[in-house]
Amino acid sequence: MANLLVEENLPYLFSESLAFRDYAQTCLNPQYRGYSRKTVKKEISRLYGAEKVMLQNYFANFDGCVTVCSDIWEDTYHNLHYLGLTVHYIDNDWHMHKHVLAFREYNDRHTAEHIYILIERILIEYNLIDKVFAIGFDNATNNTAAIPRLRELCGSTSLMGRFFHQRCACHVLNLCVQDGLKALGASLEVVKGGIRRIWGN
């Protein structure tokens, strides 16, 4: 059940669903009684712990390079912030992999120093300090300011560290579109007004 919830991104409550229990009893096992949310939550935590240890051991012996991407999200409803850190790499068999290493609550001030400290902890935790080829960030000033310390920490000498800081292409494109929309502001209002009149008739 825990694997199903994780793979399909389902809520814990799904484990107590009457519809799923009926389906499981009819199609899979007539003795199926379901699992409580508490049981499923414990099992998912156990799976997470096992996966984390497996990744830590894998990266301890990994002789390649990784690219790390980081972003900060805001939950405006609860006024909370989270820092996510994702790692991308190609294994020895030339298969590309992606793992979310961390999704941590982050309520410190969003300074370069605080961002650096949190990312440093995560990289140490996963044995990645000397394996980072590049870091992807959006264009926020605090992220850019953290780059020199992260470059020094990771000792990025591949290609003289020229590609260590990668700006998020989606963020750059969004900024370009927003600037373009501002420049077209008056013209867009005329078009919107025309569409409103057409739909209004």
Protein backbone atom coordinates (compact mmCIF):
# COMPACT_ATOMS: atom_id res chain seq x y z
CA MET A 1 0.00 0.00 0.00
CA ALA A 2 2.82 2.41 0.89
CA ASN A 3 4.48 1.89 -2.50
CA LEU A 4 1.18 2.58 -4.27
CA LEU A 5 0.65 5.84 -2.39
CA VAL A 6 4.20 7.02 -3.06
CA GLU A 7 4.28 6.03 -6.74
CA GLU A 8 0.88 7.56 -7.51
CA ASN A 9 1.24 10.57 -5.17
CA LEU A 10 -1.94 9.66 -3.28
CA PRO A 11 -2.94 10.99 0.17
CA TYR A 12 -2.63 8.80 3.29
CA LEU A 13 -6.43 8.80 3.49
CA PHE A 14 -6.58 6.68 0.33
CA SER A 15 -5.47 3.67 2.40
CA GLU A 16 -8.83 3.82 4.24
CA SER A 17 -10.91 4.29 1.09
CA LEU A 18 -13.98 2.02 1.00
CA ALA A 19 -13.93 1.99 -2.80
CA PHE A 20 -10.32 0.75 -2.86
CA ARG A 21 -11.05 -1.84 -0.16
CA ASP A 22 -14.01 -3.14 -2.20
CA TYR A 23 -11.85 -3.27 -5.33
CA ALA A 24 -9.03 -5.11 -3.51
CA GLN A 25 -11.44 -7.63 -1.97
CA THR A 26 -13.18 -8.25 -5.30
CA CYS A 27 -10.16 -8.39 -7.61
CA LEU A 28 -7.14 -9.23 -5.48
CA ASN A 29 -7.84 -10.82 -2.11
CA PRO A 30 -11.22 -11.40 -0.45
CA GLN A 31 -9.49 -11.25 2.98
CA TYR A 32 -8.11 -7.71 2.41
CA ARG A 33 -9.11 -5.41 5.31
CA GLY A 34 -7.13 -2.28 4.46
CA TYR A 35 -4.56 -0.25 6.39
CA SER A 36 -4.91 2.73 8.67
CA ARG A 37 -3.37 6.07 7.75
CA LYS A 38 -1.06 5.74 10.75
CA THR A 39 0.25 2.36 9.56
CA VAL A 40 0.78 3.63 6.01
CA LYS A 41 2.54 6.76 7.27
CA LYS A 42 4.96 4.61 9.31
CA GLU A 43 5.63 2.37 6.32
CA ILE A 44 6.29 5.34 4.03
CA SER A 45 8.72 6.77 6.60
CA ARG A 46 10.48 3.40 6.72
CA LEU A 47 10.68 3.29 2.90
CA TYR A 48 12.06 6.85 2.85
CA GLY A 49 14.74 5.94 5.40
CA ALA A 50 15.79 2.87 3.42
CA GLU A 51 15.91 4.83 0.14
CA LYS A 52 17.94 7.60 1.79
CA VAL A 53 20.54 5.14 3.15
CA MET A 54 20.73 3.43 -0.26
CA LEU A 55 21.39 6.80 -1.97
CA GLN A 56 23.97 7.82 0.64
CA ASN A 57 25.85 4.56 0.11
CA TYR A 58 25.56 4.83 -3.66
CA PHE A 59 26.95 8.38 -3.75
CA ALA A 60 29.75 7.50 -1.32
CA ASN A 61 31.11 5.14 -4.00
CA PHE A 62 29.98 7.12 -7.06
CA ASP A 63 32.90 8.30 -9.19
CA GLY A 64 30.96 10.57 -11.56
CA CYS A 65 29.58 14.08 -11.31
CA VAL A 66 26.11 15.34 -10.45
CA THR A 67 24.12 18.45 -11.16
CA VAL A 68 22.07 19.90 -8.33
CA CYS A 69 18.97 22.07 -8.72
CA SER A 70 17.50 24.09 -5.88
CA ASP A 71 14.42 26.23 -5.43
CA ILE A 72 12.49 27.81 -2.60
CA TRP A 73 8.70 27.53 -2.50
CA GLU A 74 6.21 29.45 -0.43
CA ASP A 75 3.02 28.01 1.03
CA THR A 76 1.07 31.26 1.25
CA TYR A 77 -1.86 29.64 3.06
CA HIS A 78 0.28 28.53 6.02
CA ASN A 79 3.01 31.16 5.51
CA LEU A 80 5.73 28.51 5.30
CA HIS A 81 8.72 28.22 2.98
CA TYR A 82 10.46 25.10 1.70
CA LEU A 83 13.79 24.49 0.03
CA GLY A 84 13.91 21.64 -2.45
CA LEU A 85 17.13 20.07 -3.70
CA THR A 86 17.15 17.69 -6.67
CA VAL A 87 20.15 15.79 -8.02
CA HIS A 88 20.59 14.66 -11.65
CA TYR A 89 23.32 12.30 -12.82
CA ILE A 90 24.20 9.67 -15.40
CA ASP A 91 25.28 6.28 -14.08
CA ASN A 92 28.01 4.01 -15.45
CA ASP A 93 25.49 2.37 -17.81
CA TRP A 94 24.59 5.77 -19.30
CA HIS A 95 21.14 5.94 -17.69
CA MET A 96 20.02 9.33 -16.43
CA HIS A 97 18.63 9.53 -12.89
CA LYS A 98 16.88 12.19 -10.85
CA HIS A 99 16.25 12.15 -7.09
CA VAL A 100 14.71 14.70 -4.77
CA LEU A 101 17.29 14.72 -1.98
CA ALA A 102 15.53 17.19 0.26
CA PHE A 103 12.32 19.11 0.64
CA ARG A 104 12.86 20.92 3.90
CA GLU A 105 10.99 23.60 5.74
CA TYR A 106 13.01 26.78 5.40
CA ASN A 107 11.88 29.71 7.48
CA ASP A 108 15.21 31.49 7.92
CA ARG A 109 15.79 34.75 6.09
CA HIS A 110 16.47 34.02 2.43
CA THR A 111 20.06 35.25 2.52
CA ALA A 112 22.96 33.77 0.56
CA GLU A 113 24.50 32.61 3.85
CA HIS A 114 21.41 30.67 4.97
CA ILE A 115 20.92 29.11 1.53
CA TYR A 116 24.60 28.09 1.45
CA ILE A 117 24.43 26.50 4.93
CA LEU A 118 21.33 24.42 4.17
CA ILE A 119 22.63 23.20 0.80
CA GLU A 120 26.03 22.41 2.35
CA ARG A 121 24.34 20.22 5.01
CA ILE A 122 22.37 18.31 2.38
CA LEU A 123 25.43 17.77 0.14
CA ILE A 124 27.44 16.48 3.12
CA GLU A 125 24.55 14.24 4.19
CA TYR A 126 24.57 12.55 0.76
CA ASN A 127 28.37 12.42 0.23
CA LEU A 128 28.20 14.81 -2.73
CA ILE A 129 30.58 17.64 -1.79
CA ASP A 130 33.32 16.68 -4.26
CA LYS A 131 30.96 15.44 -6.99
CA VAL A 132 28.99 18.58 -7.92
CA PHE A 133 29.62 19.71 -11.50
CA ALA A 134 26.90 22.40 -11.62
CA ILE A 135 24.13 23.97 -9.56
CA GLY A 136 20.90 25.24 -11.07
CA PHE A 137 19.20 28.23 -9.43
CA ASP A 138 16.72 30.86 -10.49
CA ASN A 139 17.98 34.43 -10.94
CA ALA A 140 17.35 35.63 -7.39
CA THR A 141 20.20 37.78 -6.09
CA ASN A 142 20.59 35.72 -2.91
CA ASN A 143 21.08 32.53 -4.96
CA THR A 144 23.68 34.19 -7.18
CA ALA A 145 25.47 35.49 -4.08
CA ALA A 146 25.67 31.94 -2.63
CA ILE A 147 27.41 30.56 -5.74
CA PRO A 148 31.03 31.60 -4.96
CA ARG A 149 30.95 29.84 -1.57
CA LEU A 150 29.27 26.76 -3.04
CA ARG A 151 31.87 26.67 -5.85
CA GLU A 152 34.64 26.86 -3.25
CA LEU A 153 32.97 24.17 -1.08
CA CYS A 154 32.57 21.77 -3.99
CA GLY A 155 36.01 22.53 -5.43
CA SER A 156 34.56 22.75 -8.91
CA THR A 157 37.55 22.54 -11.22
CA SER A 158 35.81 20.80 -14.14
CA LEU A 159 36.08 23.16 -17.11
CA MET A 160 37.53 25.72 -14.67
CA GLY A 161 34.12 25.98 -12.97
CA ARG A 162 32.74 28.03 -15.87
CA PHE A 163 29.47 26.09 -15.94
CA PHE A 164 29.05 25.69 -12.18
CA HIS A 165 26.17 28.18 -11.91
CA GLN A 166 23.32 27.35 -14.28
CA ARG A 167 20.37 29.72 -14.33
CA CYS A 168 16.94 28.13 -14.58
CA ALA A 169 15.85 28.49 -18.23
CA CYS A 170 12.15 28.44 -17.29
CA HIS A 171 12.66 31.28 -14.82
CA VAL A 172 14.61 33.34 -17.38
CA LEU A 173 11.92 32.73 -20.02
CA ASN A 174 9.18 33.72 -17.56
CA LEU A 175 11.00 36.99 -16.80
CA CYS A 176 11.27 37.72 -20.54
CA VAL A 177 7.56 37.04 -21.10
CA GLN A 178 6.57 39.20 -18.11
CA ASP A 179 8.69 42.10 -19.44
CA GLY A 180 7.16 41.66 -22.90
CA LEU A 181 3.63 41.67 -21.48
CA LYS A 182 4.37 44.88 -19.55
CA ALA A 183 5.63 46.52 -22.76
CA LEU A 184 2.44 45.49 -24.56
CA GLY A 185 0.19 46.51 -21.65
CA ALA A 186 -1.99 49.10 -23.43
CA SER A 187 -2.34 47.00 -26.60
CA LEU A 188 -3.35 43.93 -24.60
CA GLU A 189 -6.04 45.89 -22.78
CA VAL A 190 -7.59 46.87 -26.15
CA VAL A 191 -7.61 43.19 -27.24
CA LYS A 192 -9.07 42.06 -23.89
CA GLY A 193 -11.77 44.73 -24.16
CA GLY A 194 -12.69 43.53 -27.66
CA ILE A 195 -12.92 39.93 -26.48
CA ARG A 196 -15.12 40.95 -23.54
CA ARG A 197 -17.50 42.76 -25.91
CA ILE A 198 -17.68 39.75 -28.23
CA TRP A 199 -18.42 37.36 -25.38
CA GLY A 200 -20.86 39.82 -23.83
CA ASN A 201 -23.07 39.84 -26.97
